[in-house]
PDB file of N, CA and C in Angstrom:
ATOM      1  N   MET A   1     -17.289 -25.982 -31.550  1.00  0.00           N
ATOM      2  CA  MET A   1     -17.434 -25.839 -30.639  1.00  0.00           C
ATOM      3  C   MET A   1     -18.585 -24.572 -29.662  1.00  0.00           C
ATOM      4  N   LEU A   2     -19.580 -24.478 -30.428  1.00  0.00           N
ATOM      5  CA  LEU A   2     -20.092 -24.053 -29.514  1.00  0.00           C
ATOM      6  C   LEU A   2     -21.196 -24.884 -29.174  1.00  0.00           C
ATOM      7  N   GLY A   3     -21.534 -26.184 -29.185  1.00  0.00           N
ATOM      8  CA  GLY A   3     -21.807 -27.702 -29.128  1.00  0.00           C
ATOM      9  C   GLY A   3     -21.355 -28.045 -27.746  1.00  0.00           C
ATOM     10  N   MET A   4     -19.770 -27.566 -27.571  1.00  0.00           N
ATOM     11  CA  MET A   4     -19.233 -27.989 -26.858  1.00  0.00           C
ATOM     12  C   MET A   4     -19.757 -28.253 -25.005  1.00  0.00           C
ATOM     13  N   LYS A   5     -20.224 -28.975 -24.455  1.00  0.00           N
ATOM     14  CA  LYS A   5     -20.493 -29.564 -23.306  1.00  0.00           C
ATOM     15  C   LYS A   5     -19.648 -29.136 -22.836  1.00  0.00           C
ATOM     16  N   ILE A   6     -19.267 -27.983 -21.561  1.00  0.00           N
ATOM     17  CA  ILE A   6     -17.931 -28.532 -20.338  1.00  0.00           C
ATOM     18  C   ILE A   6     -19.285 -27.822 -18.926  1.00  0.00           C
ATOM     19  N   THR A   7     -18.505 -28.527 -18.195  1.00  0.00           N
ATOM     20  CA  THR A   7     -18.573 -28.950 -16.491  1.00  0.00           C
ATOM     21  C   THR A   7     -18.776 -27.387 -16.075  1.00  0.00           C
ATOM     22  N   ARG A   8     -19.172 -27.002 -14.586  1.00  0.00           N
ATOM     23  CA  ARG A   8     -18.464 -26.051 -14.152  1.00  0.00           C
ATOM     24  C   ARG A   8     -16.971 -25.973 -13.181  1.00  0.00           C
ATOM     25  N   ARG A   9     -16.803 -27.893 -13.398  1.00  0.00           N
ATOM     26  CA  ARG A   9     -15.440 -28.045 -12.852  1.00  0.00           C
ATOM     27  C   ARG A   9     -14.122 -27.828 -13.280  1.00  0.00           C
ATOM     28  N   LYS A  10     -14.953 -28.471 -14.597  1.00  0.00           N
ATOM     29  CA  LYS A  10     -14.143 -28.041 -15.977  1.00  0.00           C
ATOM     30  C   LYS A  10     -13.451 -27.137 -16.026  1.00  0.00           C
ATOM     31  N   LEU A  11     -14.718 -25.681 -15.945  1.00  0.00           N
ATOM     32  CA  LEU A  11     -14.761 -24.803 -16.509  1.00  0.00           C
ATOM     33  C   LEU A  11     -13.540 -24.077 -15.122  1.00  0.00           C
ATOM     34  N   ALA A  12     -13.892 -24.348 -13.889  1.00  0.00           N
ATOM     35  CA  ALA A  12     -12.844 -23.563 -13.168  1.00  0.00           C
ATOM     36  C   ALA A  12     -11.799 -23.585 -13.408  1.00  0.00           C
ATOM     37  N   ALA A  13     -11.378 -24.947 -13.565  1.00  0.00           N
ATOM     38  CA  ALA A  13     -10.030 -25.869 -13.906  1.00  0.00           C
ATOM     39  C   ALA A  13      -9.044 -25.057 -14.423  1.00  0.00           C
ATOM     40  N   LEU A  14      -9.916 -24.933 -16.031  1.00  0.00           N
ATOM     41  CA  LEU A  14      -9.318 -24.010 -16.642  1.00  0.00           C
ATOM     42  C   LEU A  14      -8.896 -22.990 -16.747  1.00  0.00           C
ATOM     43  N   ALA A  15      -9.939 -22.301 -15.846  1.00  0.00           N
ATOM     44  CA  ALA A  15      -9.625 -20.724 -15.658  1.00  0.00           C
ATOM     45  C   ALA A  15      -8.024 -20.820 -14.583  1.00  0.00           C
ATOM     46  N   LEU A  16      -8.172 -21.467 -13.906  1.00  0.00           N
ATOM     47  CA  LEU A  16      -7.415 -21.754 -12.580  1.00  0.00           C
ATOM     48  C   LEU A  16      -5.632 -21.945 -13.764  1.00  0.00           C
ATOM     49  N   VAL A  17      -5.592 -23.187 -14.790  1.00  0.00           N
ATOM     50  CA  VAL A  17      -4.824 -23.053 -15.188  1.00  0.00           C
ATOM     51  C   VAL A  17      -3.539 -21.731 -15.503  1.00  0.00           C
ATOM     52  N   PRO A  18      -4.116 -20.939 -16.690  1.00  0.00           N
ATOM     53  CA  PRO A  18      -3.047 -19.699 -16.268  1.00  0.00           C
ATOM     54  C   PRO A  18      -2.434 -18.960 -15.330  1.00  0.00           C
ATOM     55  N   ALA A  19      -3.169 -18.818 -14.465  1.00  0.00           N
ATOM     56  CA  ALA A  19      -2.213 -18.135 -13.619  1.00  0.00           C
ATOM     57  C   ALA A  19      -1.476 -18.974 -12.627  1.00  0.00           C
ATOM     58  N   ALA A  20      -1.535 -20.554 -12.517  1.00  0.00           N
ATOM     59  CA  ALA A  20      -0.974 -21.321 -11.258  1.00  0.00           C
ATOM     60  C   ALA A  20       0.629 -21.501 -12.453  1.00  0.00           C
ATOM     61  N   THR A  21       0.200 -20.933 -14.099  1.00  0.00           N
ATOM     62  CA  THR A  21       1.899 -21.460 -15.003  1.00  0.00           C
ATOM     63  C   THR A  21       3.200 -20.538 -14.865  1.00  0.00           C
ATOM     64  N   VAL A  22       2.158 -18.706 -14.876  1.00  0.00           N
ATOM     65  CA  VAL A  22       2.400 -17.521 -14.550  1.00  0.00           C
ATOM     66  C   VAL A  22       3.478 -17.280 -13.473  1.00  0.00           C
ATOM     67  N   PRO A  23       4.676 -17.238 -13.341  1.00  0.00           N
ATOM     68  CA  PRO A  23       5.408 -16.761 -12.435  1.00  0.00           C
ATOM     69  C   PRO A  23       4.558 -15.672 -11.596  1.00  0.00           C
ATOM     70  N   ALA A  24       4.967 -15.166 -10.545  1.00  0.00           N
ATOM     71  CA  ALA A  24       4.034 -14.181  -9.690  1.00  0.00           C
ATOM     72  C   ALA A  24       5.365 -13.094  -9.631  1.00  0.00           C
ATOM     73  N   GLN A  25       5.180 -11.883 -10.059  1.00  0.00           N
ATOM     74  CA  GLN A  25       6.067 -10.963  -9.895  1.00  0.00           C
ATOM     75  C   GLN A  25       5.766  -9.859  -9.101  1.00  0.00           C
ATOM     76  N   THR A  26       5.953  -9.286  -8.806  1.00  0.00           N
ATOM     77  CA  THR A  26       5.633  -8.367  -7.409  1.00  0.00           C
ATOM     78  C   THR A  26       6.031  -6.833  -7.864  1.00  0.00           C
ATOM     79  N   PRO A  27       6.178  -5.537  -8.265  1.00  0.00           N
ATOM     80  CA  PRO A  27       6.679  -5.212  -8.111  1.00  0.00           C
ATOM     81  C   PRO A  27       6.921  -4.228  -5.988  1.00  0.00           C
ATOM     82  N   PRO A  28       8.005  -3.025  -6.699  1.00  0.00           N
ATOM     83  CA  PRO A  28       8.514  -2.675  -5.490  1.00  0.00           C
ATOM     84  C   PRO A  28       7.251  -2.452  -4.936  1.00  0.00           C
ATOM     85  N   ALA A  29       7.774  -1.782  -3.556  1.00  0.00           N
ATOM     86  CA  ALA A  29       6.511  -1.528  -2.436  1.00  0.00           C
ATOM     87  C   ALA A  29       6.438  -0.196  -2.706  1.00  0.00           C
ATOM     88  N   GLU A  30       6.995  -0.052  -2.468  1.00  0.00           N
ATOM     89  CA  GLU A  30       7.224   1.758  -3.451  1.00  0.00           C
ATOM     90  C   GLU A  30       5.847   1.711  -5.040  1.00  0.00           C
ATOM     91  N   ASP A  31       6.169   1.267  -5.734  1.00  0.00           N
ATOM     92  CA  ASP A  31       5.118   1.216  -6.600  1.00  0.00           C
ATOM     93  C   ASP A  31       3.947   1.287  -6.353  1.00  0.00           C
ATOM     94  N   LEU A  32       3.527  -0.048  -5.765  1.00  0.00           N
ATOM     95  CA  LEU A  32       2.111  -0.211  -4.906  1.00  0.00           C
ATOM     96  C   LEU A  32       1.471   1.187  -4.586  1.00  0.00           C
ATOM     97  N   ASP A  33       2.199   1.557  -3.624  1.00  0.00           N
ATOM     98  CA  ASP A  33       1.888   2.089  -2.463  1.00  0.00           C
ATOM     99  C   ASP A  33       1.365   3.524  -2.742  1.00  0.00           C
ATOM    100  N   ALA A  34       2.059   3.823  -4.843  1.00  0.00           N
ATOM    101  CA  ALA A  34       1.753   5.249  -5.458  1.00  0.00           C
ATOM    102  C   ALA A  34       0.618   5.071  -6.138  1.00  0.00           C
ATOM    103  N   LEU A  35       1.185   3.141  -6.514  1.00  0.00           N
ATOM    104  CA  LEU A  35      -0.306   3.130  -7.465  1.00  0.00           C
ATOM    105  C   LEU A  35      -1.564   3.127  -6.576  1.00  0.00           C
ATOM    106  N   ALA A  36      -1.861   2.232  -5.797  1.00  0.00           N
ATOM    107  CA  ALA A  36      -3.236   2.629  -4.820  1.00  0.00           C
ATOM    108  C   ALA A  36      -3.315   4.568  -4.068  1.00  0.00           C
ATOM    109  N   LYS A  37      -2.429   5.442  -4.312  1.00  0.00           N
ATOM    110  CA  LYS A  37      -2.757   6.508  -3.474  1.00  0.00           C
ATOM    111  C   LYS A  37      -3.349   7.175  -5.176  1.00  0.00           C
ATOM    112  N   SER A  38      -2.844   6.874  -6.403  1.00  0.00           N
ATOM    113  CA  SER A  38      -3.467   7.421  -7.369  1.00  0.00           C
ATOM    114  C   SER A  38      -4.391   7.019  -8.446  1.00  0.00           C
ATOM    115  N   ARG A  39      -4.873   5.413  -7.767  1.00  0.00           N
ATOM    116  CA  ARG A  39      -6.733   4.955  -7.643  1.00  0.00           C
ATOM    117  C   ARG A  39      -6.922   5.490  -6.499  1.00  0.00           C
ATOM    118  N   LEU A  40      -6.812   5.624  -5.443  1.00  0.00           N
ATOM    119  CA  LEU A  40      -7.557   6.348  -3.964  1.00  0.00           C
ATOM    120  C   LEU A  40      -8.332   7.519  -4.424  1.00  0.00           C
ATOM    121  N   ARG A  41      -7.382   9.225  -5.251  1.00  0.00           N
ATOM    122  CA  ARG A  41      -7.490   9.835  -5.549  1.00  0.00           C
ATOM    123  C   ARG A  41      -7.838   9.808  -7.072  1.00  0.00           C
ATOM    124  N   ALA A  42      -8.015   9.413  -7.945  1.00  0.00           N
ATOM    125  CA  ALA A  42      -8.751   8.665  -8.697  1.00  0.00           C
ATOM    126  C   ALA A  42     -10.288   9.002  -8.741  1.00  0.00           C
ATOM    127  N   ASN A  43     -10.638   7.328  -8.039  1.00  0.00           N
ATOM    128  CA  ASN A  43     -12.158   7.009  -7.461  1.00  0.00           C
ATOM    129  C   ASN A  43     -12.287   8.465  -6.191  1.00  0.00           C
ATOM    130  N   SER A  44     -12.130   8.905  -5.692  1.00  0.00           N
ATOM    131  CA  SER A  44     -12.009   9.664  -4.654  1.00  0.00           C
ATOM    132  C   SER A  44     -12.695  11.276  -5.577  1.00  0.00           C
ATOM    133  N   GLU A  45     -12.056  11.846  -7.040  1.00  0.00           N
ATOM    134  CA  GLU A  45     -12.794  12.898  -7.815  1.00  0.00           C
ATOM    135  C   GLU A  45     -13.714  12.294  -8.397  1.00  0.00           C
ATOM    136  N   THR A  46     -13.948  10.534  -9.188  1.00  0.00           N
ATOM    137  CA  THR A  46     -14.854  10.429  -9.623  1.00  0.00           C
ATOM    138  C   THR A  46     -15.857  10.267  -8.803  1.00  0.00           C
ATOM    139  N   LEU A  47     -16.064  10.040  -7.165  1.00  0.00           N
ATOM    140  CA  LEU A  47     -17.011   9.935  -6.247  1.00  0.00           C
ATOM    141  C   LEU A  47     -18.160  11.209  -5.978  1.00  0.00           C
ATOM    142  N   ALA A  48     -16.703  12.902  -6.071  1.00  0.00           N
ATOM    143  CA  ALA A  48     -16.998  13.418  -5.780  1.00  0.00           C
ATOM    144  C   ALA A  48     -18.216  14.536  -7.245  1.00  0.00           C
ATOM    145  N   LYS A  49     -17.981  13.895  -7.927  1.00  0.00           N
ATOM    146  CA  LYS A  49     -18.790  14.495  -9.335  1.00  0.00           C
ATOM    147  C   LYS A  49     -20.188  13.881  -8.860  1.00  0.00           C
ATOM    148  N   MET A  50     -20.497  12.631  -8.787  1.00  0.00           N
ATOM    149  CA  MET A  50     -21.939  12.800  -9.004  1.00  0.00           C
ATOM    150  C   MET A  50     -22.434  13.785  -8.210  1.00  0.00           C
ATOM    151  N   ALA A  51     -23.794  13.788  -8.177  1.00  0.00           N
ATOM    152  CA  ALA A  51     -24.956  14.094  -7.643  1.00  0.00           C
ATOM    153  C   ALA A  51     -25.075  13.020  -6.790  1.00  0.00           C
ATOM    154  N   ILE A  52     -26.201  13.704  -5.417  1.00  0.00           N
ATOM    155  CA  ILE A  52     -26.570  11.999  -4.601  1.00  0.00           C
ATOM    156  C   ILE A  52     -27.784  13.369  -3.644  1.00  0.00           C
ATOM    157  N   PRO A  53     -28.304  12.432  -3.797  1.00  0.00           N
ATOM    158  CA  PRO A  53     -29.737  13.112  -3.245  1.00  0.00           C
ATOM    159  C   PRO A  53     -29.834  13.221  -1.558  1.00  0.00           C
ATOM    160  N   MET A  54     -30.074  14.306  -1.351  1.00  0.00           N
ATOM    161  CA  MET A  54     -30.200  14.694   0.746  1.00  0.00           C
ATOM    162  C   MET A  54     -30.872  13.414   1.052  1.00  0.00           C
ATOM    163  N   GLY A  55     -31.962  12.624   0.127  1.00  0.00           N
ATOM    164  CA  GLY A  55     -32.371  11.771   1.089  1.00  0.00           C
ATOM    165  C   GLY A  55     -32.334  10.270   1.239  1.00  0.00           C
ATOM    166  N   THR A  56     -31.224  10.396  -0.029  1.00  0.00           N
ATOM    167  CA  THR A  56     -30.343   9.059   0.025  1.00  0.00           C
ATOM    168  C   THR A  56     -29.852   8.403   1.667  1.00  0.00           C
ATOM    169  N   GLU A  57     -30.552   7.080   1.803  1.00  0.00           N
ATOM    170  CA  GLU A  57     -30.443   7.045   3.133  1.00  0.00           C
ATOM    171  C   GLU A  57     -28.870   6.169   3.367  1.00  0.00           C
ATOM    172  N   PRO A  58     -28.240   6.232   3.474  1.00  0.00           N
ATOM    173  CA  PRO A  58     -27.424   4.352   3.497  1.00  0.00           C
ATOM    174  C   PRO A  58     -26.808   3.289   4.185  1.00  0.00           C
ATOM    175  N   ALA A  59     -26.166   2.620   3.385  1.00  0.00           N
ATOM    176  CA  ALA A  59     -26.436   1.110   3.845  1.00  0.00           C
ATOM    177  C   ALA A  59     -25.914   0.546   4.697  1.00  0.00           C
ATOM    178  N   PHE A  60     -25.865   1.926   6.038  1.00  0.00           N
ATOM    179  CA  PHE A  60     -25.522   1.033   6.793  1.00  0.00           C
ATOM    180  C   PHE A  60     -26.106   1.619   7.806  1.00  0.00           C
ATOM    181  N   LEU A  61     -26.151   1.215   9.895  1.00  0.00           N
ATOM    182  CA  LEU A  61     -26.794   2.112  10.640  1.00  0.00           C
ATOM    183  C   LEU A  61     -26.199   2.350  11.603  1.00  0.00           C
ATOM    184  N   PHE A  62     -25.572   3.004  12.106  1.00  0.00           N
ATOM    185  CA  PHE A  62     -24.442   2.669  13.703  1.00  0.00           C
ATOM    186  C   PHE A  62     -25.539   2.622  14.492  1.00  0.00           C
ATOM    187  N   LYS A  63     -25.084   2.073  15.723  1.00  0.00           N
ATOM    188  CA  LYS A  63     -26.092   1.792  16.657  1.00  0.00           C
ATOM    189  C   LYS A  63     -24.995   1.987  18.283  1.00  0.00           C
ATOM    190  N   ALA A  64     -25.280   2.361  19.282  1.00  0.00           N
ATOM    191  CA  ALA A  64     -24.536   2.895  20.212  1.00  0.00           C
ATOM    192  C   ALA A  64     -24.990   1.608  20.976  1.00  0.00           C
TER     193      ALA A  64
END
């Protein structure tokens, strides 16, 4: 198996096969909303714990 050569196209095709064979199940909208809110809250708490120096410049610049 280690000596097996595979092209990028074959690898991409293999990566798509499991996704195509599993039927999509979408949870109710209420669950997605609650999940998104909990992820946002957790991410906000994680960012709030990080110390950012005052000299740090943003990755964007607003121009009028």
